[in-house]
Amino acid sequence: MIKVTTLDKREMVLNAELIERIESVPETVITLTSGKKILVTQTAAEIVELVIAYRRRILQPVELRD
């Protein structure tokens, strides 16, 4: 799960596994596998970094987690 901010400043937690594509048009649009689109304030690069950090956390061995 990653935390993003919508254009109307609401924070939401999004299942990173459901992201199909990220576009910059000029706002950032996240398209989910369901076809739903979410406009967020983060850049595409920031979303990619959030997803990478999320995946590192879930793939980390249990004894190394916080």
C-alpha atoms as a PDB file:
ATOM      1  CA  MET A   1       0.000   0.000   0.000  1.00  0.00           C
ATOM      2  CA  ILE A   2       1.194   3.514  -0.805  1.00  0.00           C
ATOM      3  CA  LYS A   3      -0.104   6.861   0.396  1.00  0.00           C
ATOM      4  CA  VAL A   4      -1.025   9.426  -2.270  1.00  0.00           C
ATOM      5  CA  THR A   5      -2.731  12.820  -2.249  1.00  0.00           C
ATOM      6  CA  THR A   6      -5.591  13.588  -4.603  1.00  0.00           C
ATOM      7  CA  LEU A   7      -5.909  16.948  -6.343  1.00  0.00           C
ATOM      8  CA  ASP A   8      -8.497  18.045  -3.758  1.00  0.00           C
ATOM      9  CA  LYS A   9      -5.873  17.394  -1.004  1.00  0.00           C
ATOM     10  CA  ARG A  10      -7.389  14.167   0.346  1.00  0.00           C
ATOM     11  CA  GLU A  11      -4.891  11.526   1.405  1.00  0.00           C
ATOM     12  CA  MET A  12      -5.652   7.982   0.367  1.00  0.00           C
ATOM     13  CA  VAL A  13      -3.892   4.667   0.659  1.00  0.00           C
ATOM     14  CA  LEU A  14      -3.714   2.803  -2.615  1.00  0.00           C
ATOM     15  CA  ASN A  15      -2.931  -0.847  -3.296  1.00  0.00           C
ATOM     16  CA  ALA A  16       0.278  -0.561  -5.329  1.00  0.00           C
ATOM     17  CA  GLU A  17      -0.302  -4.015  -6.813  1.00  0.00           C
ATOM     18  CA  LEU A  18      -3.359  -2.701  -8.677  1.00  0.00           C
ATOM     19  CA  ILE A  19      -1.517   0.045 -10.579  1.00  0.00           C
ATOM     20  CA  GLU A  20      -1.594  -0.636 -14.300  1.00  0.00           C
ATOM     21  CA  ARG A  21      -0.082   2.607 -15.576  1.00  0.00           C
ATOM     22  CA  ILE A  22       0.992   6.105 -14.513  1.00  0.00           C
ATOM     23  CA  GLU A  23       0.716   9.097 -16.865  1.00  0.00           C
ATOM     24  CA  SER A  24       1.675  12.771 -16.635  1.00  0.00           C
ATOM     25  CA  VAL A  25      -0.820  14.861 -18.642  1.00  0.00           C
ATOM     26  CA  PRO A  26       0.255  17.395 -16.945  1.00  0.00           C
ATOM     27  CA  GLU A  27      -1.257  16.167 -13.649  1.00  0.00           C
ATOM     28  CA  THR A  28      -0.400  12.619 -12.656  1.00  0.00           C
ATOM     29  CA  VAL A  29      -3.045  10.032 -13.515  1.00  0.00           C
ATOM     30  CA  ILE A  30      -2.855   6.576 -11.966  1.00  0.00           C
ATOM     31  CA  THR A  31      -4.865   3.959 -13.829  1.00  0.00           C
ATOM     32  CA  LEU A  32      -5.763   0.851 -11.857  1.00  0.00           C
ATOM     33  CA  THR A  33      -6.285  -2.632 -13.271  1.00  0.00           C
ATOM     34  CA  SER A  34     -10.038  -2.074 -12.811  1.00  0.00           C
ATOM     35  CA  GLY A  35      -9.877   0.878 -15.219  1.00  0.00           C
ATOM     36  CA  LYS A  36     -10.470   3.432 -12.457  1.00  0.00           C
ATOM     37  CA  LYS A  37      -8.354   6.574 -12.788  1.00  0.00           C
ATOM     38  CA  ILE A  38      -7.044   8.612  -9.855  1.00  0.00           C
ATOM     39  CA  LEU A  39      -5.531  12.093 -10.208  1.00  0.00           C
ATOM     40  CA  VAL A  40      -2.785  12.761  -7.661  1.00  0.00           C
ATOM     41  CA  THR A  41      -0.401  15.565  -6.712  1.00  0.00           C
ATOM     42  CA  GLN A  42       2.701  13.359  -6.694  1.00  0.00           C
ATOM     43  CA  THR A  43       4.787  13.104  -9.859  1.00  0.00           C
ATOM     44  CA  ALA A  44       5.057   9.855 -11.801  1.00  0.00           C
ATOM     45  CA  ALA A  45       8.650   9.505 -10.548  1.00  0.00           C
ATOM     46  CA  GLU A  46       7.497   9.905  -6.930  1.00  0.00           C
ATOM     47  CA  ILE A  47       4.836   7.224  -7.400  1.00  0.00           C
ATOM     48  CA  VAL A  48       7.413   4.864  -8.886  1.00  0.00           C
ATOM     49  CA  GLU A  49       9.694   5.449  -5.872  1.00  0.00           C
ATOM     50  CA  LEU A  50       6.785   4.794  -3.468  1.00  0.00           C
ATOM     51  CA  VAL A  51       5.999   1.523  -5.255  1.00  0.00           C
ATOM     52  CA  ILE A  52       9.660   0.451  -5.184  1.00  0.00           C
ATOM     53  CA  ALA A  53       9.889   1.210  -1.443  1.00  0.00           C
ATOM     54  CA  TYR A  54       6.636  -0.692  -0.836  1.00  0.00           C
ATOM     55  CA  ARG A  55       7.873  -3.748  -2.724  1.00  0.00           C
ATOM     56  CA  ARG A  56      11.203  -3.683  -0.884  1.00  0.00           C
ATOM     57  CA  ARG A  57       9.307  -3.646   2.427  1.00  0.00           C
ATOM     58  CA  ILE A  58       7.089  -6.604   1.579  1.00  0.00           C
ATOM     59  CA  LEU A  59       9.929  -8.676   0.121  1.00  0.00           C
ATOM     60  CA  GLN A  60      12.240  -8.055   3.060  1.00  0.00           C
ATOM     61  CA  PRO A  61      12.780 -11.080   5.352  1.00  0.00           C
ATOM     62  CA  VAL A  62      10.643 -10.908   8.506  1.00  0.00           C
ATOM     63  CA  GLU A  63      13.613 -10.693  10.908  1.00  0.00           C
ATOM     64  CA  LEU A  64      14.869  -7.517   9.188  1.00  0.00           C
ATOM     65  CA  ARG A  65      11.574  -5.587   9.297  1.00  0.00           C
ATOM     66  CA  ASP A  66      10.989  -2.761  11.797  1.00  0.00           C
END
